[in-house]
């Protein structure tokens, strides 16, 4: 399912217009922290816990030495944060049913 299919499904399930459904989906899932609720919470260091569905959180990746694939030269890759998702038990059970 892509974003447009999600918008169409939300519109059909909630009796919203497609424009209203797009605003709702964007309000939750937009990757820009100024627009998306999940991105905003993760940017400020919070977790987003959706009971039964799962948890969105930031995770830390340590600094490490990598290789430039073109030259083979060693390069330093800086430490960084990245988003992670841990599915909830209900979601896992539903998928494996």
PDB file of N, CA and C in Angstrom:
ATOM      1  N   UNK A   1       0.845  -1.165   0.000  1.00  0.00           N
ATOM      2  CA  UNK A   1       0.000   0.000   0.000  1.00  0.00           C
ATOM      3  C   UNK A   1       0.896   1.236   0.000  1.00  0.00           C
ATOM      4  N   UNK A   2       0.673   2.130  -0.957  1.00  0.00           N
ATOM      5  CA  UNK A   2       1.430   3.370  -0.977  1.00  0.00           C
ATOM      6  C   UNK A   2       0.617   4.481  -0.301  1.00  0.00           C
ATOM      7  N   UNK A   3       1.161   5.690  -0.274  1.00  0.00           N
ATOM      8  CA  UNK A   3       0.516   6.778   0.458  1.00  0.00           C
ATOM      9  C   UNK A   3      -0.866   7.102  -0.106  1.00  0.00           C
ATOM     10  N   UNK A   4      -0.989   7.156  -1.426  1.00  0.00           N
ATOM     11  CA  UNK A   4      -2.282   7.483  -2.025  1.00  0.00           C
ATOM     12  C   UNK A   4      -3.314   6.407  -1.719  1.00  0.00           C
ATOM     13  N   UNK A   5      -2.916   5.157  -1.737  1.00  0.00           N
ATOM     14  CA  UNK A   5      -3.836   4.076  -1.389  1.00  0.00           C
ATOM     15  C   UNK A   5      -4.252   4.171   0.076  1.00  0.00           C
ATOM     16  N   UNK A   6      -3.322   4.576   0.955  1.00  0.00           N
ATOM     17  CA  UNK A   6      -3.656   4.780   2.357  1.00  0.00           C
ATOM     18  C   UNK A   6      -4.664   5.917   2.503  1.00  0.00           C
ATOM     19  N   UNK A   7      -4.448   7.006   1.804  1.00  0.00           N
ATOM     20  CA  UNK A   7      -5.378   8.136   1.845  1.00  0.00           C
ATOM     21  C   UNK A   7      -6.759   7.706   1.374  1.00  0.00           C
ATOM     22  N   UNK A   8      -6.818   6.963   0.271  1.00  0.00           N
ATOM     23  CA  UNK A   8      -8.103   6.476  -0.243  1.00  0.00           C
ATOM     24  C   UNK A   8      -8.790   5.556   0.757  1.00  0.00           C
ATOM     25  N   UNK A   9      -8.030   4.690   1.419  1.00  0.00           N
ATOM     26  CA  UNK A   9      -8.596   3.768   2.403  1.00  0.00           C
ATOM     27  C   UNK A   9      -9.117   4.520   3.627  1.00  0.00           C
ATOM     28  N   UNK A  10      -8.381   5.528   4.076  1.00  0.00           N
ATOM     29  CA  UNK A  10      -8.831   6.339   5.214  1.00  0.00           C
ATOM     30  C   UNK A  10     -10.109   7.080   4.847  1.00  0.00           C
ATOM     31  N   UNK A  11     -10.153   7.630   3.649  1.00  0.00           N
ATOM     32  CA  UNK A  11     -11.349   8.347   3.199  1.00  0.00           C
ATOM     33  C   UNK A  11     -12.563   7.416   3.156  1.00  0.00           C
ATOM     34  N   UNK A  12     -12.370   6.215   2.645  1.00  0.00           N
ATOM     35  CA  UNK A  12     -13.479   5.262   2.539  1.00  0.00           C
ATOM     36  C   UNK A  12     -13.938   4.772   3.913  1.00  0.00           C
ATOM     37  N   UNK A  13     -13.001   4.545   4.818  1.00  0.00           N
ATOM     38  CA  UNK A  13     -13.336   3.986   6.129  1.00  0.00           C
ATOM     39  C   UNK A  13     -13.965   5.013   7.064  1.00  0.00           C
ATOM     40  N   UNK A  14     -13.621   6.294   6.879  1.00  0.00           N
ATOM     41  CA  UNK A  14     -14.079   7.321   7.815  1.00  0.00           C
ATOM     42  C   UNK A  14     -15.108   8.279   7.236  1.00  0.00           C
ATOM     43  N   UNK A  15     -15.476   8.091   5.991  1.00  0.00           N
ATOM     44  CA  UNK A  15     -16.409   8.992   5.302  1.00  0.00           C
ATOM     45  C   UNK A  15     -15.884  10.424   5.230  1.00  0.00           C
ATOM     46  N   UNK A  16     -14.562  10.577   5.201  1.00  0.00           N
ATOM     47  CA  UNK A  16     -13.952  11.881   4.972  1.00  0.00           C
ATOM     48  C   UNK A  16     -13.785  12.079   3.474  1.00  0.00           C
ATOM     49  N   UNK A  17     -13.677  13.331   3.057  1.00  0.00           N
ATOM     50  CA  UNK A  17     -13.359  13.580   1.654  1.00  0.00           C
ATOM     51  C   UNK A  17     -11.897  13.202   1.442  1.00  0.00           C
ATOM     52  N   UNK A  18     -11.502  12.928   0.206  1.00  0.00           N
ATOM     53  CA  UNK A  18     -10.091  12.608  -0.041  1.00  0.00           C
ATOM     54  C   UNK A  18      -9.144  13.718   0.428  1.00  0.00           C
ATOM     55  N   UNK A  19      -9.553  14.967   0.306  1.00  0.00           N
ATOM     56  CA  UNK A  19      -8.718  16.069   0.770  1.00  0.00           C
ATOM     57  C   UNK A  19      -8.546  16.064   2.279  1.00  0.00           C
ATOM     58  N   UNK A  20      -9.631  15.793   2.997  1.00  0.00           N
ATOM     59  CA  UNK A  20      -9.570  15.722   4.455  1.00  0.00           C
ATOM     60  C   UNK A  20      -8.735  14.529   4.901  1.00  0.00           C
ATOM     61  N   UNK A  21      -8.889  13.395   4.212  1.00  0.00           N
ATOM     62  CA  UNK A  21      -8.114  12.202   4.545  1.00  0.00           C
ATOM     63  C   UNK A  21      -6.630  12.445   4.312  1.00  0.00           C
ATOM     64  N   UNK A  22      -6.283  13.172   3.229  1.00  0.00           N
ATOM     65  CA  UNK A  22      -4.874  13.488   2.953  1.00  0.00           C
ATOM     66  C   UNK A  22      -4.309  14.348   4.077  1.00  0.00           C
ATOM     67  N   UNK A  23      -5.067  15.333   4.541  1.00  0.00           N
ATOM     68  CA  UNK A  23      -4.607  16.180   5.645  1.00  0.00           C
ATOM     69  C   UNK A  23      -4.392  15.347   6.913  1.00  0.00           C
ATOM     70  N   UNK A  24      -5.284  14.401   7.175  1.00  0.00           N
ATOM     71  CA  UNK A  24      -5.159  13.556   8.363  1.00  0.00           C
ATOM     72  C   UNK A  24      -3.915  12.671   8.279  1.00  0.00           C
ATOM     73  N   UNK A  25      -3.710  12.041   7.128  1.00  0.00           N
ATOM     74  CA  UNK A  25      -2.539  11.169   6.942  1.00  0.00           C
ATOM     75  C   UNK A  25      -1.258  11.992   7.028  1.00  0.00           C
ATOM     76  N   UNK A  26      -1.234  13.163   6.387  1.00  0.00           N
ATOM     77  CA  UNK A  26      -0.049  14.020   6.442  1.00  0.00           C
ATOM     78  C   UNK A  26       0.220  14.513   7.861  1.00  0.00           C
ATOM     79  N   UNK A  27      -0.828  14.794   8.627  1.00  0.00           N
ATOM     80  CA  UNK A  27      -0.655  15.276   9.996  1.00  0.00           C
ATOM     81  C   UNK A  27       0.026  14.234  10.869  1.00  0.00           C
ATOM     82  N   UNK A  28      -0.164  12.980  10.560  1.00  0.00           N
ATOM     83  CA  UNK A  28       0.433  11.909  11.350  1.00  0.00           C
ATOM     84  C   UNK A  28       1.780  11.475  10.783  1.00  0.00           C
ATOM     85  N   UNK A  29       1.850  11.245   9.474  1.00  0.00           N
ATOM     86  CA  UNK A  29       3.004  10.564   8.891  1.00  0.00           C
ATOM     87  C   UNK A  29       3.987  11.427   8.120  1.00  0.00           C
ATOM     88  N   UNK A  30       3.775  12.734   8.006  1.00  0.00           N
ATOM     89  CA  UNK A  30       4.717  13.562   7.253  1.00  0.00           C
ATOM     90  C   UNK A  30       6.108  13.463   7.869  1.00  0.00           C
ATOM     91  N   UNK A  31       7.153  13.293   7.041  1.00  0.00           N
ATOM     92  CA  UNK A  31       8.498  13.161   7.591  1.00  0.00           C
ATOM     93  C   UNK A  31       9.070  14.479   8.102  1.00  0.00           C
ATOM     94  N   UNK A  32       8.432  15.599   7.804  1.00  0.00           N
ATOM     95  CA  UNK A  32       8.899  16.890   8.291  1.00  0.00           C
ATOM     96  C   UNK A  32       8.380  17.096   9.706  1.00  0.00           C
ATOM     97  N   UNK A  33       9.284  17.389  10.633  1.00  0.00           N
ATOM     98  CA  UNK A  33       8.883  17.509  12.033  1.00  0.00           C
ATOM     99  C   UNK A  33       7.952  18.683  12.277  1.00  0.00           C
ATOM    100  N   UNK A  34       7.891  19.633  11.341  1.00  0.00           N
ATOM    101  CA  UNK A  34       6.970  20.755  11.506  1.00  0.00           C
ATOM    102  C   UNK A  34       5.549  20.377  11.107  1.00  0.00           C
ATOM    103  N   UNK A  35       5.371  19.236  10.439  1.00  0.00           N
ATOM    104  CA  UNK A  35       4.054  18.839   9.960  1.00  0.00           C
ATOM    105  C   UNK A  35       3.574  17.529  10.558  1.00  0.00           C
ATOM    106  N   UNK A  36       4.431  16.524  10.633  1.00  0.00           N
ATOM    107  CA  UNK A  36       4.020  15.202  11.077  1.00  0.00           C
ATOM    108  C   UNK A  36       4.150  15.023  12.578  1.00  0.00           C
ATOM    109  N   UNK A  37       3.131  14.482  13.181  1.00  0.00           N
ATOM    110  CA  UNK A  37       3.127  14.295  14.630  1.00  0.00           C
ATOM    111  C   UNK A  37       4.177  13.287  15.092  1.00  0.00           C
ATOM    112  N   UNK A  38       4.339  12.199  14.361  1.00  0.00           N
ATOM    113  CA  UNK A  38       5.328  11.189  14.742  1.00  0.00           C
ATOM    114  C   UNK A  38       6.741  11.759  14.602  1.00  0.00           C
ATOM    115  N   UNK A  39       7.037  12.411  13.480  1.00  0.00           N
ATOM    116  CA  UNK A  39       8.363  12.996  13.269  1.00  0.00           C
ATOM    117  C   UNK A  39       8.657  14.074  14.306  1.00  0.00           C
ATOM    118  N   UNK A  40       7.657  14.859  14.648  1.00  0.00           N
ATOM    119  CA  UNK A  40       7.835  15.906  15.650  1.00  0.00           C
ATOM    120  C   UNK A  40       8.193  15.318  17.012  1.00  0.00           C
ATOM    121  N   UNK A  41       7.483  14.274  17.408  1.00  0.00           N
ATOM    122  CA  UNK A  41       7.756  13.632  18.693  1.00  0.00           C
ATOM    123  C   UNK A  41       9.147  13.002  18.707  1.00  0.00           C
ATOM    124  N   UNK A  42       9.527  12.339  17.620  1.00  0.00           N
ATOM    125  CA  UNK A  42      10.846  11.711  17.555  1.00  0.00           C
ATOM    126  C   UNK A  42      11.958  12.758  17.555  1.00  0.00           C
ATOM    127  N   UNK A  43      11.724  13.889  16.881  1.00  0.00           N
ATOM    128  CA  UNK A  43      12.722  14.958  16.851  1.00  0.00           C
ATOM    129  C   UNK A  43      12.993  15.530  18.228  1.00  0.00           C
ATOM    130  N   UNK A  44      11.956  15.553  19.064  1.00  0.00           N
ATOM    131  CA  UNK A  44      12.135  16.094  20.412  1.00  0.00           C
ATOM    132  C   UNK A  44      12.563  15.024  21.412  1.00  0.00           C
ATOM    133  N   UNK A  45      12.813  13.805  20.932  1.00  0.00           N
ATOM    134  CA  UNK A  45      13.328  12.748  21.799  1.00  0.00           C
ATOM    135  C   UNK A  45      12.262  11.904  22.469  1.00  0.00           C
ATOM    136  N   UNK A  46      11.002  12.114  22.131  1.00  0.00           N
ATOM    137  CA  UNK A  46       9.912  11.331  22.727  1.00  0.00           C
ATOM    138  C   UNK A  46       9.676  10.047  21.946  1.00  0.00           C
ATOM    139  N   UNK A  47       9.008   9.100  22.597  1.00  0.00           N
ATOM    140  CA  UNK A  47       8.536   7.883  21.940  1.00  0.00           C
ATOM    141  C   UNK A  47       7.080   8.091  21.566  1.00  0.00           C
ATOM    142  N   UNK A  48       6.634   7.401  20.529  1.00  0.00           N
ATOM    143  CA  UNK A  48       5.218   7.377  20.168  1.00  0.00           C
ATOM    144  C   UNK A  48       4.762   5.942  20.368  1.00  0.00           C
ATOM    145  N   UNK A  49       3.904   5.731  21.370  1.00  0.00           N
ATOM    146  CA  UNK A  49       3.440   4.393  21.711  1.00  0.00           C
ATOM    147  C   UNK A  49       1.980   4.267  21.321  1.00  0.00           C
ATOM    148  N   UNK A  50       1.686   3.369  20.399  1.00  0.00           N
ATOM    149  CA  UNK A  50       0.321   3.086  19.971  1.00  0.00           C
ATOM    150  C   UNK A  50      -0.004   1.684  20.467  1.00  0.00           C
ATOM    151  N   UNK A  51      -0.759   1.607  21.548  1.00  0.00           N
ATOM    152  CA  UNK A  51      -1.043   0.330  22.202  1.00  0.00           C
ATOM    153  C   UNK A  51      -1.570  -0.688  21.197  1.00  0.00           C
ATOM    154  N   UNK A  52      -0.954  -1.851  21.181  1.00  0.00           N
ATOM    155  CA  UNK A  52      -1.356  -2.925  20.296  1.00  0.00           C
ATOM    156  C   UNK A  52      -0.719  -2.844  18.923  1.00  0.00           C
ATOM    157  N   UNK A  53      -0.376  -1.628  18.471  1.00  0.00           N
ATOM    158  CA  UNK A  53       0.202  -1.459  17.143  1.00  0.00           C
ATOM    159  C   UNK A  53       1.716  -1.485  17.204  1.00  0.00           C
ATOM    160  N   UNK A  54       2.308  -0.625  18.055  1.00  0.00           N
ATOM    161  CA  UNK A  54       3.752  -0.625  18.173  1.00  0.00           C
ATOM    162  C   UNK A  54       4.284   0.679  18.718  1.00  0.00           C
ATOM    163  N   UNK A  55       5.612   0.777  18.732  1.00  0.00           N
ATOM    164  CA  UNK A  55       6.289   1.934  19.294  1.00  0.00           C
ATOM    165  C   UNK A  55       7.291   2.486  18.281  1.00  0.00           C
ATOM    166  N   UNK A  56       7.191   3.790  18.025  1.00  0.00           N
ATOM    167  CA  UNK A  56       8.181   4.499  17.227  1.00  0.00           C
ATOM    168  C   UNK A  56       9.134   5.161  18.215  1.00  0.00           C
ATOM    169  N   UNK A  57      10.440   5.040  17.967  1.00  0.00           N
ATOM    170  CA  UNK A  57      11.422   5.641  18.860  1.00  0.00           C
ATOM    171  C   UNK A  57      12.686   5.964  18.083  1.00  0.00           C
ATOM    172  N   UNK A  58      13.544   6.793  18.689  1.00  0.00           N
ATOM    173  CA  UNK A  58      14.842   7.053  18.070  1.00  0.00           C
ATOM    174  C   UNK A  58      15.858   6.098  18.676  1.00  0.00           C
ATOM    175  N   UNK A  59      16.784   5.695  17.860  1.00  0.00           N
ATOM    176  CA  UNK A  59      17.851   4.801  18.290  1.00  0.00           C
ATOM    177  C   UNK A  59      19.184   5.442  17.937  1.00  0.00           C
ATOM    178  N   UNK A  60      20.219   5.076  18.680  1.00  0.00           N
ATOM    179  CA  UNK A  60      21.550   5.635  18.444  1.00  0.00           C
ATOM    180  C   UNK A  60      22.403   4.661  17.654  1.00  0.00           C
ATOM    181  N   UNK A  61      23.115   5.198  16.687  1.00  0.00           N
ATOM    182  CA  UNK A  61      24.081   4.413  15.927  1.00  0.00           C
ATOM    183  C   UNK A  61      25.451   4.982  16.265  1.00  0.00           C
ATOM    184  N   UNK A  62      26.373   4.149  16.713  1.00  0.00           N
ATOM    185  CA  UNK A  62      27.694   4.594  17.129  1.00  0.00           C
ATOM    186  C   UNK A  62      28.535   5.028  15.926  1.00  0.00           C
ATOM    187  N   UNK A  63      29.519   5.875  16.204  1.00  0.00           N
ATOM    188  CA  UNK A  63      30.481   6.253  15.173  1.00  0.00           C
ATOM    189  C   UNK A  63      31.275   5.007  14.782  1.00  0.00           C
ATOM    190  N   UNK A  64      31.662   4.950  13.531  1.00  0.00           N
ATOM    191  CA  UNK A  64      32.390   3.770  13.075  1.00  0.00           C
ATOM    192  C   UNK A  64      33.275   4.132  11.883  1.00  0.00           C
ATOM    193  N   UNK A  65      34.154   3.230  11.565  1.00  0.00           N
ATOM    194  CA  UNK A  65      35.018   3.400  10.405  1.00  0.00           C
ATOM    195  C   UNK A  65      34.423   2.608   9.252  1.00  0.00           C
ATOM    196  N   UNK A  66      34.286   3.273   8.115  1.00  0.00           N
ATOM    197  CA  UNK A  66      33.764   2.620   6.923  1.00  0.00           C
ATOM    198  C   UNK A  66      34.793   2.687   5.806  1.00  0.00           C
ATOM    199  N   UNK A  67      34.406   2.226   4.645  1.00  0.00           N
ATOM    200  CA  UNK A  67      35.302   2.243   3.478  1.00  0.00           C
ATOM    201  C   UNK A  67      34.602   2.929   2.319  1.00  0.00           C
ATOM    202  N   UNK A  68      35.345   3.776   1.635  1.00  0.00           N
ATOM    203  CA  UNK A  68      34.850   4.361   0.405  1.00  0.00           C
ATOM    204  C   UNK A  68      34.855   3.249  -0.642  1.00  0.00           C
ATOM    205  N   UNK A  69      33.704   2.868  -1.191  1.00  0.00           N
ATOM    206  CA  UNK A  69      33.672   1.728  -2.117  1.00  0.00           C
ATOM    207  C   UNK A  69      34.446   1.972  -3.415  1.00  0.00           C
ATOM    208  N   UNK A  70      34.621   3.232  -3.763  1.00  0.00           N
ATOM    209  CA  UNK A  70      35.321   3.541  -5.008  1.00  0.00           C
ATOM    210  C   UNK A  70      36.838   3.426  -4.850  1.00  0.00           C
ATOM    211  N   UNK A  71      37.350   3.963  -3.727  1.00  0.00           N
ATOM    212  CA  UNK A  71      38.809   4.005  -3.549  1.00  0.00           C
ATOM    213  C   UNK A  71      39.326   2.998  -2.526  1.00  0.00           C
ATOM    214  N   UNK A  72      38.452   2.492  -1.688  1.00  0.00           N
ATOM    215  CA  UNK A  72      38.867   1.577  -0.638  1.00  0.00           C
ATOM    216  C   UNK A  72      39.443   2.291   0.573  1.00  0.00           C
ATOM    217  N   UNK A  73      39.452   3.617   0.527  1.00  0.00           N
ATOM    218  CA  UNK A  73      40.010   4.422   1.615  1.00  0.00           C
ATOM    219  C   UNK A  73      39.100   4.354   2.845  1.00  0.00           C
ATOM    220  N   UNK A  74      39.725   4.285   4.033  1.00  0.00           N
ATOM    221  CA  UNK A  74      38.957   4.272   5.280  1.00  0.00           C
ATOM    222  C   UNK A  74      38.405   5.671   5.548  1.00  0.00           C
ATOM    223  N   UNK A  75      37.155   5.732   5.963  1.00  0.00           N
ATOM    224  CA  UNK A  75      36.532   7.011   6.303  1.00  0.00           C
ATOM    225  C   UNK A  75      35.819   6.874   7.640  1.00  0.00           C
ATOM    226  N   UNK A  76      35.684   7.969   8.341  1.00  0.00           N
ATOM    227  CA  UNK A  76      34.963   7.978   9.609  1.00  0.00           C
ATOM    228  C   UNK A  76      33.506   8.319   9.355  1.00  0.00           C
ATOM    229  N   UNK A  77      32.622   7.511   9.883  1.00  0.00           N
ATOM    230  CA  UNK A  77      31.186   7.754   9.791  1.00  0.00           C
ATOM    231  C   UNK A  77      30.742   8.212  11.172  1.00  0.00           C
ATOM    232  N   UNK A  78      30.148   9.396  11.232  1.00  0.00           N
ATOM    233  CA  UNK A  78      29.771  10.006  12.506  1.00  0.00           C
ATOM    234  C   UNK A  78      28.624   9.248  13.175  1.00  0.00           C
ATOM    235  N   UNK A  79      28.549   9.386  14.494  1.00  0.00           N
ATOM    236  CA  UNK A  79      27.425   8.829  15.246  1.00  0.00           C
ATOM    237  C   UNK A  79      26.163   9.586  14.837  1.00  0.00           C
ATOM    238  N   UNK A  80      25.022   8.914  14.904  1.00  0.00           N
ATOM    239  CA  UNK A  80      23.769   9.566  14.527  1.00  0.00           C
ATOM    240  C   UNK A  80      22.590   8.866  15.155  1.00  0.00           C
ATOM    241  N   UNK A  81      21.477   9.515  15.104  1.00  0.00           N
ATOM    242  CA  UNK A  81      20.219   8.929  15.564  1.00  0.00           C
ATOM    243  C   UNK A  81      19.428   8.507  14.332  1.00  0.00           C
ATOM    244  N   UNK A  82      18.626   7.478  14.490  1.00  0.00           N
ATOM    245  CA  UNK A  82      17.766   7.038  13.395  1.00  0.00           C
ATOM    246  C   UNK A  82      16.443   6.554  13.973  1.00  0.00           C
ATOM    247  N   UNK A  83      15.366   6.629  13.188  1.00  0.00           N
ATOM    248  CA  UNK A  83      14.071   6.190  13.698  1.00  0.00           C
ATOM    249  C   UNK A  83      13.967   4.673  13.695  1.00  0.00           C
ATOM    250  N   UNK A  84      13.285   4.151  14.688  1.00  0.00           N
ATOM    251  CA  UNK A  84      13.059   2.716  14.772  1.00  0.00           C
ATOM    252  C   UNK A  84      11.599   2.438  15.105  1.00  0.00           C
ATOM    253  N   UNK A  85      11.152   1.255  14.781  1.00  0.00           N
ATOM    254  CA  UNK A  85       9.785   0.840  15.073  1.00  0.00           C
ATOM    255  C   UNK A  85       9.830  -0.551  15.670  1.00  0.00           C
ATOM    256  N   UNK A  86       9.111  -0.726  16.756  1.00  0.00           N
ATOM    257  CA  UNK A  86       8.985  -2.039  17.382  1.00  0.00           C
ATOM    258  C   UNK A  86       7.501  -2.403  17.361  1.00  0.00           C
ATOM    259  N   UNK A  87       7.108  -3.444  16.611  1.00  0.00           N
ATOM    260  CA  UNK A  87       5.690  -3.793  16.533  1.00  0.00           C
ATOM    261  C   UNK A  87       5.156  -4.314  17.862  1.00  0.00           C
ATOM    262  N   UNK A  88       3.890  -4.017  18.113  1.00  0.00           N
ATOM    263  CA  UNK A  88       3.225  -4.493  19.319  1.00  0.00           C
ATOM    264  C   UNK A  88       2.773  -5.938  19.177  1.00  0.00           C
ATOM    265  N   UNK A  89       2.436  -6.557  20.282  1.00  0.00           N
ATOM    266  CA  UNK A  89       2.030  -7.964  20.291  1.00  0.00           C
ATOM    267  C   UNK A  89       0.775  -8.198  19.458  1.00  0.00           C
ATOM    268  N   UNK A  90      -0.205  -7.312  19.574  1.00  0.00           N
ATOM    269  CA  UNK A  90      -1.454  -7.482  18.816  1.00  0.00           C
ATOM    270  C   UNK A  90      -1.186  -7.461  17.317  1.00  0.00           C
ATOM    271  N   UNK A  91      -0.342  -6.535  16.857  1.00  0.00           N
ATOM    272  CA  UNK A  91      -0.004  -6.453  15.429  1.00  0.00           C
ATOM    273  C   UNK A  91       0.734  -7.715  14.981  1.00  0.00           C
ATOM    274  N   UNK A  92       1.688  -8.173  15.782  1.00  0.00           N
ATOM    275  CA  UNK A  92       2.427  -9.397  15.427  1.00  0.00           C
ATOM    276  C   UNK A  92       1.502 -10.605  15.363  1.00  0.00           C
ATOM    277  N   UNK A  93       0.591 -10.693  16.331  1.00  0.00           N
ATOM    278  CA  UNK A  93      -0.357 -11.823  16.347  1.00  0.00           C
ATOM    279  C   UNK A  93      -1.273 -11.777  15.123  1.00  0.00           C
ATOM    280  N   UNK A  94      -1.703 -10.586  14.737  1.00  0.00           N
ATOM    281  CA  UNK A  94      -2.596 -10.424  13.577  1.00  0.00           C
ATOM    282  C   UNK A  94      -1.884 -10.835  12.286  1.00  0.00           C
ATOM    283  N   UNK A  95      -0.646 -10.473  12.165  1.00  0.00           N
ATOM    284  CA  UNK A  95       0.127 -10.806  10.955  1.00  0.00           C
ATOM    285  C   UNK A  95       0.365 -12.310  10.885  1.00  0.00           C
ATOM    286  N   UNK A  96       0.594 -12.959  12.032  1.00  0.00           N
ATOM    287  CA  UNK A  96       0.891 -14.380  12.045  1.00  0.00           C
ATOM    288  C   UNK A  96      -0.336 -15.259  12.164  1.00  0.00           C
ATOM    289  N   UNK A  97      -1.527 -14.664  12.138  1.00  0.00           N
ATOM    290  CA  UNK A  97      -2.764 -15.462  12.275  1.00  0.00           C
ATOM    291  C   UNK A  97      -3.081 -16.213  11.000  1.00  0.00           C
TER     292      UNK A  97
END
